[in-house]
Structures are given as structure tokens and as C-alpha cells.
Amino acid sequence: MRVAAVTCVKNEGPFLLEWIAYNRAIGVTDHLFYSNDCSDATDLLLDALAAQGIVMHLPNPAQGRNYQMEALKDAARQEMVRAADWVWIADVDEFLNIHVGNHTIADLVAACDAPHAISLNFQFFANAGIETFEDRPVVSQFTKTHNPDLWCDERAIEVKTLVRKDFPLQYFGAHRPFFKGDVPPGLRWCDGAGRPVPRRFLAAKGKQHIRKFPAQGARKLATLNHYALRSLESYLVKNDRGDVNRENRAFDDTYWRERNDDSWTDLSIHRMLPRLEAERAKLLALPKVAELHAEAVSRHRAKLDSLLEQKPYREMIEHLRSAPTLCDAEAHLIERIGSQPVLGAA
């Protein structure tokens, strides 16, 4: 079974090898990377990996600022994607955590009885007070997360989607594929528990139903672990970088607090660490890869040092150190509950 992973990157150099190695461990056979405006050796490292046939690396085709959607349009025309049995569109901080069989995509597909699409709910992993960037697997460092069925004050949580080759595709979205017109007859689309996705999500009826649905009970077979914050140091570098969708986007206190709920511990992905490390070692043994990975790590740290010379970033890091782990919505809910009179009280 051929599985093609498609992603867009900008200055993700220190984290590339972990993501590729993990994907290879769960059964991804091909990787298509689009990069833009890299200054941390991301593009150089991807070129070295491409020279060894590990990935395909292309410049992002976007002429404006809609980097991801333009890249996905291009990806749909690429032979690597067209030849794949399944397509997995995700970001470098997102890891598909499969709970069945030998923890591979093939096992997940079999457990879901090979539907046309499988949408997996996010689970956000908190920073949990980890300040220092370390050059070792992110999935081993960050273990604190929110209630899996509840993020902030919402039960509906966003998804990413595995798409089968014969899906009646109009175009790829970042979170799910789209078809033209009404729901095609016979289309089978399930969640991470193998259940049919909600009808409103399937038909994309209304903005709130386009890319998320309730997470309760939806992770029996697989979860999408999202390490959006990583260390405080790496978060500052990310904040300076912006992201692949919006140039110079600033991640403010709200973004941090919404993803820094550390009320649960989840170690389930650690079962994959031996396979991840084995795959990562194979990549590091390839010509120029270890050297360029080290260069990316060095530039990441140098960027952090330069940011900390600037007063706004010093103030930001101090603010985030003391920021509450509850988002505003949850804090207000707790405040409202606490202000309610107790029944039977004098």
C-alpha cells in the first residue's frame, strides 16, 4: 500500500527528520514537501533527502500568501500523489497516533474497513512548563494534554483526513477533501473510531461543520497528536516565523493558552519511539543529512538568541511563563459556576 504524505514548511529544519521518520514507521511510503522563504536550512536538508529518494521537495507555487491551498492544488496534479493508494495531508507538528494492530496506517484502514476517507480528531499537547529546545523527538518530550473529548469549552474538535485514491475528489482542503455537489452515493467516510462521520460534516453544511465534529468516542482507533507549542524557546521562533498560511502571522497569548491545557497525561505514542529512532538513524546516515540537520539546529538556536536581544520578545517569554493554562472560555465558565448560589445554602 502506497501512502503519500503532503505538507508545507517554512523554517521547520530541526523537526523534519523526526516527522519523516515517524511517518515511515507508521507506513507512509512517500513524502511531498513544499517550502517557502526558509532561512534555517529546511530547504537544504529537504534537498539532501530528495537526492536520496526519501522525499520530493518543491518550491511553494503560491504567488500571494495562500501558501497551503496553492500547494495542495499543485499536489493533486503530482504523480506521487496520483499514484498513492492513500493521501495524508498534515503539518510537521502533527503525528498520527494509531491505537490498533501494529500501529500502522494499514492497520487503521483495515480496522475501518477501508472507507473512502478517515478523519482523525486533533489532541493538542501542552507546553507544560518546558522552556528549553532540545534536539530530540518532540513526541517523547511533551506528554500533557487536554481532556481528549473536550478542547477549551468545545466538544467539536478539528480533524485531518486520510483520503483514499478513489475518493470523488474536487479538491484537497487542509483538513478534509471536498467533492462537488451533493454527497455521492455510496461514499463511506468514518472517524477515528470507524464510525460514520456526522452528516453535517460529511455534507459540509455550515462553517462550523466544515472541518470539525465532536471528539467524544472518536479516538478508539487513532488520534492526531498536535504539538503546536513545543518548547517555549521554539515557540518564540515560531512566533517570529509566522506560518505556511499567513505571512508574518503573530501567535498571541490566546493561541498559546488555548493549546496549553495540561490536565491529562497521554504516553500512548511512546510505543512508537523505538521504531521512530531506528528510522531517524537511517536518515541521519545518508550523505549530508546529519550535517544539515545539525546546521538547522544551530540556526534555530541562533534565531532564538537574536530574538531574546529584542525587548518585545523578552517581554513575551516572561508573559508566557506566567500565562494561565486555562483559555478564556474555560476560565469564564469556571467563574460563572463559582458565582452560582449553592442549593440549600442559608
Protein backbone atom coordinates (compact mmCIF):
# COMPACT_ATOMS: atom_id res chain seq x y z
CA MET A 1 0.00 0.00 0.00
CA ARG A 2 1.42 3.38 -1.02
CA VAL A 3 0.72 6.32 1.30
CA ALA A 4 1.77 9.83 0.26
CA ALA A 5 2.15 12.50 2.95
CA VAL A 6 1.87 16.10 1.71
CA THR A 7 2.94 19.10 3.76
CA CYS A 8 4.08 22.74 3.58
CA VAL A 9 7.01 24.02 5.61
CA LYS A 10 8.81 27.18 6.50
CA ASN A 11 11.76 27.02 8.91
CA GLU A 12 10.97 23.60 10.37
CA GLY A 13 14.52 22.29 9.95
CA PRO A 14 15.16 20.84 13.43
CA PHE A 15 11.89 18.88 13.33
CA LEU A 16 11.91 17.41 9.82
CA LEU A 17 13.73 14.15 10.49
CA GLU A 18 11.51 13.19 13.41
CA TRP A 19 8.34 13.74 11.37
CA ILE A 20 9.60 11.84 8.33
CA ALA A 21 10.94 9.01 10.49
CA TYR A 22 7.69 8.70 12.41
CA ASN A 23 5.63 8.67 9.22
CA ARG A 24 7.84 5.98 7.73
CA ALA A 25 7.36 3.95 10.92
CA ILE A 26 3.57 4.04 10.54
CA GLY A 27 3.63 3.16 6.86
CA VAL A 28 3.99 6.38 4.86
CA THR A 29 5.92 5.46 1.71
CA ASP A 30 6.25 8.87 0.02
CA HIS A 31 6.63 12.46 1.18
CA LEU A 32 5.91 15.60 -0.82
CA PHE A 33 7.22 18.82 0.75
CA TYR A 34 6.55 22.38 -0.37
CA SER A 35 8.80 25.02 1.20
CA ASN A 36 8.92 28.79 1.09
CA ASP A 37 11.25 31.52 2.40
CA CYS A 38 13.39 29.23 4.55
CA SER A 39 16.37 30.64 6.43
CA ASP A 40 17.17 27.73 8.80
CA ALA A 41 18.41 25.14 6.27
CA THR A 42 15.00 23.47 5.94
CA ASP A 43 15.22 23.67 2.15
CA LEU A 44 18.82 22.45 2.09
CA LEU A 45 18.00 19.45 4.28
CA LEU A 46 15.00 18.59 2.12
CA ASP A 47 17.16 18.80 -0.99
CA ALA A 48 19.63 16.36 0.56
CA LEU A 49 16.82 13.96 1.41
CA ALA A 50 15.35 14.36 -2.07
CA ALA A 51 18.71 13.47 -3.63
CA GLN A 52 18.48 10.12 -1.80
CA GLY A 53 14.89 9.48 -2.91
CA ILE A 54 13.45 9.93 0.59
CA VAL A 55 11.22 12.92 -0.22
CA MET A 56 10.10 15.05 -3.11
CA HIS A 57 10.81 18.74 -2.50
CA LEU A 58 9.25 21.58 -4.47
CA PRO A 59 9.13 25.35 -4.03
CA ASN A 60 5.71 26.52 -2.91
CA PRO A 61 3.87 27.67 -6.05
CA ALA A 62 1.83 30.37 -4.28
CA GLN A 63 2.07 33.81 -5.85
CA GLY A 64 0.31 35.50 -2.93
CA ARG A 65 0.01 34.50 0.71
CA ASN A 66 -2.31 31.48 0.43
CA TYR A 67 0.62 29.09 0.62
CA GLN A 68 -1.09 25.91 1.72
CA MET A 69 -4.08 25.91 -0.61
CA GLU A 70 -1.97 26.72 -3.66
CA ALA A 71 0.40 23.90 -2.76
CA LEU A 72 -2.46 21.45 -2.32
CA LYS A 73 -3.82 22.34 -5.77
CA ASP A 74 -0.41 21.57 -7.21
CA ALA A 75 -0.07 18.37 -5.16
CA ALA A 76 -3.25 16.93 -6.68
CA ARG A 77 -1.51 17.01 -10.07
CA GLN A 78 1.73 15.38 -8.92
CA GLU A 79 2.31 11.77 -9.99
CA MET A 80 3.43 10.80 -6.48
CA VAL A 81 0.02 11.80 -5.12
CA ARG A 82 -1.98 10.48 -8.04
CA ALA A 83 -0.30 7.07 -7.75
CA ALA A 84 -0.82 6.75 -3.99
CA ASP A 85 -3.46 4.47 -2.52
CA TRP A 86 -3.94 6.96 0.32
CA VAL A 87 -3.04 10.64 0.76
CA TRP A 88 -2.25 12.12 4.16
CA ILE A 89 -2.18 15.93 4.38
CA ALA A 90 -0.75 17.15 7.68
CA ASP A 91 1.74 19.55 9.24
CA VAL A 92 5.17 18.76 10.68
CA ASP A 93 3.88 19.18 14.24
CA GLU A 94 1.05 16.62 13.71
CA PHE A 95 1.55 12.90 14.35
CA LEU A 96 -1.00 10.20 13.52
CA ASN A 97 -1.16 8.06 16.67
CA ILE A 98 -2.70 4.70 15.73
CA HIS A 99 -4.03 2.51 18.54
CA VAL A 100 -4.77 -0.77 16.71
CA GLY A 101 -2.76 -3.68 15.31
CA ASN A 102 0.88 -2.88 14.72
CA HIS A 103 0.08 0.86 14.85
CA THR A 104 0.36 1.43 11.10
CA ILE A 105 -1.88 3.16 8.57
CA ALA A 106 -2.61 -0.23 7.01
CA ASP A 107 -3.91 -1.44 10.39
CA LEU A 108 -6.10 1.66 10.76
CA VAL A 109 -7.51 1.26 7.24
CA ALA A 110 -8.29 -2.40 7.90
CA ALA A 111 -9.95 -1.62 11.24
CA CYS A 112 -12.16 0.96 9.49
CA ASP A 113 -12.97 -1.49 6.66
CA ALA A 114 -11.24 0.65 4.02
CA PRO A 115 -13.60 3.64 3.69
CA HIS A 116 -13.06 6.42 1.17
CA ALA A 117 -11.81 8.77 3.91
CA ILE A 118 -10.88 8.67 7.61
CA SER A 119 -10.96 11.92 9.61
CA LEU A 120 -8.94 11.99 12.84
CA ASN A 121 -9.58 14.47 15.65
CA PHE A 122 -6.79 16.67 16.99
CA GLN A 123 -5.47 16.29 20.50
CA PHE A 124 -3.36 19.30 21.50
CA PHE A 125 -0.24 18.66 23.57
CA ALA A 126 0.68 21.38 26.03
CA ASN A 127 4.00 23.09 26.62
CA ALA A 128 3.58 22.16 30.31
CA GLY A 129 6.40 24.40 31.51
CA ILE A 130 9.11 23.06 29.17
CA GLU A 131 11.27 26.04 28.29
CA THR A 132 14.38 24.75 26.54
CA PHE A 133 14.59 23.48 22.97
CA GLU A 134 16.22 20.04 22.85
CA ASP A 135 17.32 18.20 19.75
CA ARG A 136 15.41 15.02 20.46
CA PRO A 137 11.95 13.71 19.50
CA VAL A 138 9.15 16.11 20.32
CA VAL A 139 6.76 13.20 20.90
CA SER A 140 8.96 11.97 23.76
CA GLN A 141 9.15 15.37 25.49
CA PHE A 142 5.54 16.54 25.59
CA THR A 143 3.02 14.32 27.35
CA LYS A 144 0.49 16.73 28.88
CA THR A 145 -2.77 17.39 27.07
CA HIS A 146 -6.42 18.34 27.47
CA ASN A 147 -9.39 16.09 28.10
CA PRO A 148 -9.43 14.14 24.81
CA ASP A 149 -13.16 14.76 24.36
CA LEU A 150 -13.09 18.46 25.23
CA TRP A 151 -10.84 21.24 23.98
CA CYS A 152 -11.30 24.64 25.61
CA ASP A 153 -15.06 24.79 26.08
CA GLU A 154 -15.86 22.92 22.85
CA ARG A 155 -16.75 19.30 22.12
CA ALA A 156 -16.30 19.76 18.36
CA ILE A 157 -12.61 19.45 17.54
CA GLU A 158 -10.85 19.92 14.21
CA VAL A 159 -9.63 16.99 12.13
CA LYS A 160 -7.15 15.98 9.46
CA THR A 161 -8.08 13.34 6.92
CA LEU A 162 -6.65 10.27 5.21
CA VAL A 163 -8.03 10.17 1.67
CA ARG A 164 -8.35 7.03 -0.45
CA LYS A 165 -7.32 7.05 -4.10
CA ASP A 166 -10.87 6.66 -5.42
CA PHE A 167 -12.41 9.42 -3.32
CA PRO A 168 -14.64 11.53 -5.64
CA LEU A 169 -12.30 14.48 -5.23
CA GLN A 170 -12.99 18.01 -6.34
CA TYR A 171 -10.07 19.42 -4.35
CA PHE A 172 -7.97 18.79 -1.25
CA GLY A 173 -8.55 21.02 1.77
CA ALA A 174 -6.06 21.30 4.59
CA HIS A 175 -8.43 19.45 6.96
CA ARG A 176 -10.57 17.33 4.64
CA PRO A 177 -11.24 16.67 0.96
CA PHE A 178 -14.19 18.18 -0.88
CA PHE A 179 -16.45 16.73 -3.56
CA LYS A 180 -18.62 18.61 -5.99
CA GLY A 181 -22.34 18.94 -5.39
CA ASP A 182 -24.36 16.59 -3.18
CA VAL A 183 -22.92 13.68 -1.21
CA PRO A 184 -22.02 11.00 -3.78
CA PRO A 185 -23.99 7.73 -3.42
CA GLY A 186 -22.05 5.03 -1.61
CA LEU A 187 -19.45 7.37 -0.14
CA ARG A 188 -18.08 5.91 3.11
CA TRP A 189 -16.33 8.34 5.43
CA CYS A 190 -15.50 7.48 9.04
CA ASP A 191 -13.98 8.98 12.17
CA GLY A 192 -11.09 7.67 14.25
CA ALA A 193 -13.34 5.05 15.80
CA GLY A 194 -14.54 3.68 12.46
CA ARG A 195 -17.97 5.29 12.82
CA PRO A 196 -19.61 7.29 10.01
CA VAL A 197 -18.76 10.97 10.35
CA PRO A 198 -21.69 13.26 11.25
CA ARG A 199 -23.93 14.06 8.32
CA ARG A 200 -23.41 17.80 8.63
CA PHE A 201 -19.65 17.35 8.45
CA LEU A 202 -19.94 14.96 5.53
CA ALA A 203 -22.01 17.45 3.56
CA ALA A 204 -20.02 20.48 4.84
CA LYS A 205 -23.23 22.20 5.88
CA GLY A 206 -22.29 25.49 7.53
CA LYS A 207 -18.88 26.85 8.53
CA GLN A 208 -18.88 25.14 11.92
CA HIS A 209 -19.32 21.73 10.25
CA ILE A 210 -16.70 22.01 7.51
CA ARG A 211 -13.61 20.81 9.36
CA LYS A 212 -14.58 19.58 12.82
CA PHE A 213 -17.02 17.33 14.65
CA PRO A 214 -17.50 16.07 18.24
CA ALA A 215 -14.48 14.16 19.52
CA GLN A 216 -16.24 12.11 22.20
CA GLY A 217 -15.69 8.44 21.42
CA ALA A 218 -13.94 9.26 18.15
CA ARG A 219 -10.44 8.08 19.11
CA LYS A 220 -10.89 4.36 19.63
CA LEU A 221 -8.66 3.51 16.67
CA ALA A 222 -6.48 6.60 16.21
CA THR A 223 -5.75 10.14 17.44
CA LEU A 224 -3.99 13.05 15.78
CA ASN A 225 -1.39 14.30 18.26
CA HIS A 226 -0.73 18.00 17.63
CA TYR A 227 2.39 19.55 19.18
CA ALA A 228 1.58 23.15 18.27
CA LEU A 229 3.59 24.77 21.09
CA ARG A 230 6.65 22.58 21.69
CA SER A 231 9.19 24.29 23.98
CA LEU A 232 8.84 27.93 24.98
CA GLU A 233 12.06 28.70 23.11
CA SER A 234 10.85 27.07 19.89
CA TYR A 235 7.51 28.81 20.26
CA LEU A 236 9.24 32.19 20.16
CA VAL A 237 10.98 31.20 16.93
CA LYS A 238 7.66 30.01 15.52
CA ASN A 239 6.03 33.29 16.51
CA ASP A 240 8.69 35.20 14.61
CA ARG A 241 8.36 32.95 11.57
CA GLY A 242 4.62 33.12 11.02
CA ASP A 243 3.18 30.02 9.33
CA VAL A 244 2.65 28.50 5.91
CA ASN A 245 -0.80 30.04 5.51
CA ARG A 246 -0.34 33.63 6.56
CA GLU A 247 2.88 35.52 6.15
CA ASN A 248 4.16 37.14 9.38
CA ARG A 249 1.20 35.86 11.36
CA ALA A 250 1.69 36.51 15.09
CA PHE A 251 0.63 33.84 17.57
CA ASP A 252 -0.62 35.77 20.57
CA ASP A 253 -1.48 34.81 24.14
CA THR A 254 -4.82 33.34 23.04
CA TYR A 255 -3.24 30.75 20.75
CA TRP A 256 -0.81 29.70 23.49
CA ARG A 257 -3.44 29.45 26.24
CA GLU A 258 -5.91 27.53 24.09
CA ARG A 259 -3.28 24.83 23.46
CA ASN A 260 -1.59 24.72 26.86
CA ASP A 261 -4.18 22.77 28.86
CA ASP A 262 -2.06 20.22 30.74
CA SER A 263 -4.77 18.47 32.76
CA TRP A 264 -4.24 14.99 31.23
CA THR A 265 -1.20 12.78 30.60
CA ASP A 266 -1.01 10.70 27.43
CA LEU A 267 2.01 8.46 26.82
CA SER A 268 0.44 6.22 24.18
CA ILE A 269 2.60 7.44 21.31
CA HIS A 270 5.75 6.42 23.20
CA ARG A 271 5.26 2.84 21.99
CA MET A 272 6.48 4.15 18.63
CA LEU A 273 9.77 5.61 19.90
CA PRO A 274 11.96 2.56 19.10
CA ARG A 275 10.73 2.48 15.51
CA LEU A 276 10.97 6.26 15.20
CA GLU A 277 14.57 6.27 16.44
CA ALA A 278 15.52 3.43 14.10
CA GLU A 279 14.11 5.28 11.09
CA ARG A 280 15.71 8.53 12.20
CA ALA A 281 19.10 6.83 12.47
CA LYS A 282 18.75 5.58 8.89
CA LEU A 283 18.06 9.11 7.70
CA LEU A 284 20.99 10.58 9.62
CA ALA A 285 23.31 8.05 7.97
CA LEU A 286 22.52 9.41 4.49
CA PRO A 287 25.01 11.77 2.78
CA LYS A 288 24.89 15.36 4.10
CA VAL A 289 21.79 14.74 6.21
CA ALA A 290 23.41 14.71 9.67
CA GLU A 291 25.45 17.79 8.76
CA LEU A 292 22.43 19.73 7.53
CA HIS A 293 20.27 18.66 10.47
CA ALA A 294 22.97 19.99 12.81
CA GLU A 295 23.04 23.20 10.78
CA ALA A 296 19.27 23.58 11.14
CA VAL A 297 19.52 23.07 14.90
CA SER A 298 22.32 25.63 15.12
CA ARG A 299 20.35 28.22 13.14
CA HIS A 300 17.25 27.59 15.27
CA ARG A 301 19.24 28.34 18.42
CA ALA A 302 20.89 31.37 16.81
CA LYS A 303 17.49 32.76 15.87
CA LEU A 304 16.34 32.35 19.47
CA ASP A 305 19.41 34.23 20.72
CA SER A 306 18.75 37.08 18.30
CA LEU A 307 15.09 37.27 19.34
CA LEU A 308 15.98 37.43 23.02
CA GLU A 309 18.10 40.50 22.31
CA GLN A 310 14.84 42.29 21.46
CA LYS A 311 12.77 43.70 24.31
CA PRO A 312 9.35 42.63 22.89
CA TYR A 313 10.45 39.00 22.79
CA ARG A 314 11.92 39.14 26.29
CA GLU A 315 8.59 40.52 27.48
CA MET A 316 6.71 37.86 25.55
CA ILE A 317 8.64 34.99 27.08
CA GLU A 318 8.08 36.39 30.59
CA HIS A 319 4.38 36.78 29.89
CA LEU A 320 4.00 33.24 28.57
CA ARG A 321 5.84 31.81 31.56
CA SER A 322 3.11 33.16 33.82
CA ALA A 323 0.13 32.75 31.49
CA PRO A 324 -2.66 30.56 32.92
CA THR A 325 -3.18 27.16 31.34
CA LEU A 326 -6.91 27.75 31.06
CA CYS A 327 -8.22 29.53 28.00
CA ASP A 328 -10.55 32.48 28.47
CA ALA A 329 -13.68 30.45 27.69
CA GLU A 330 -12.91 27.84 30.37
CA ALA A 331 -11.87 30.46 32.91
CA HIS A 332 -15.12 32.36 32.41
CA LEU A 333 -17.12 29.13 32.68
CA ILE A 334 -15.47 28.26 35.99
CA GLU A 335 -16.07 31.82 37.22
CA ARG A 336 -19.76 31.59 36.31
CA ILE A 337 -20.13 28.21 38.03
CA GLY A 338 -18.38 29.51 41.13
CA SER A 339 -20.69 32.51 41.34
CA GLN A 340 -23.87 30.41 41.29
CA PRO A 341 -25.69 30.08 44.64
CA VAL A 342 -25.47 26.66 46.26
CA LEU A 343 -28.84 24.94 46.59
CA GLY A 344 -29.91 24.65 50.22
CA ALA A 345 -27.41 27.20 51.42
CA ALA A 346 -28.63 29.63 54.11
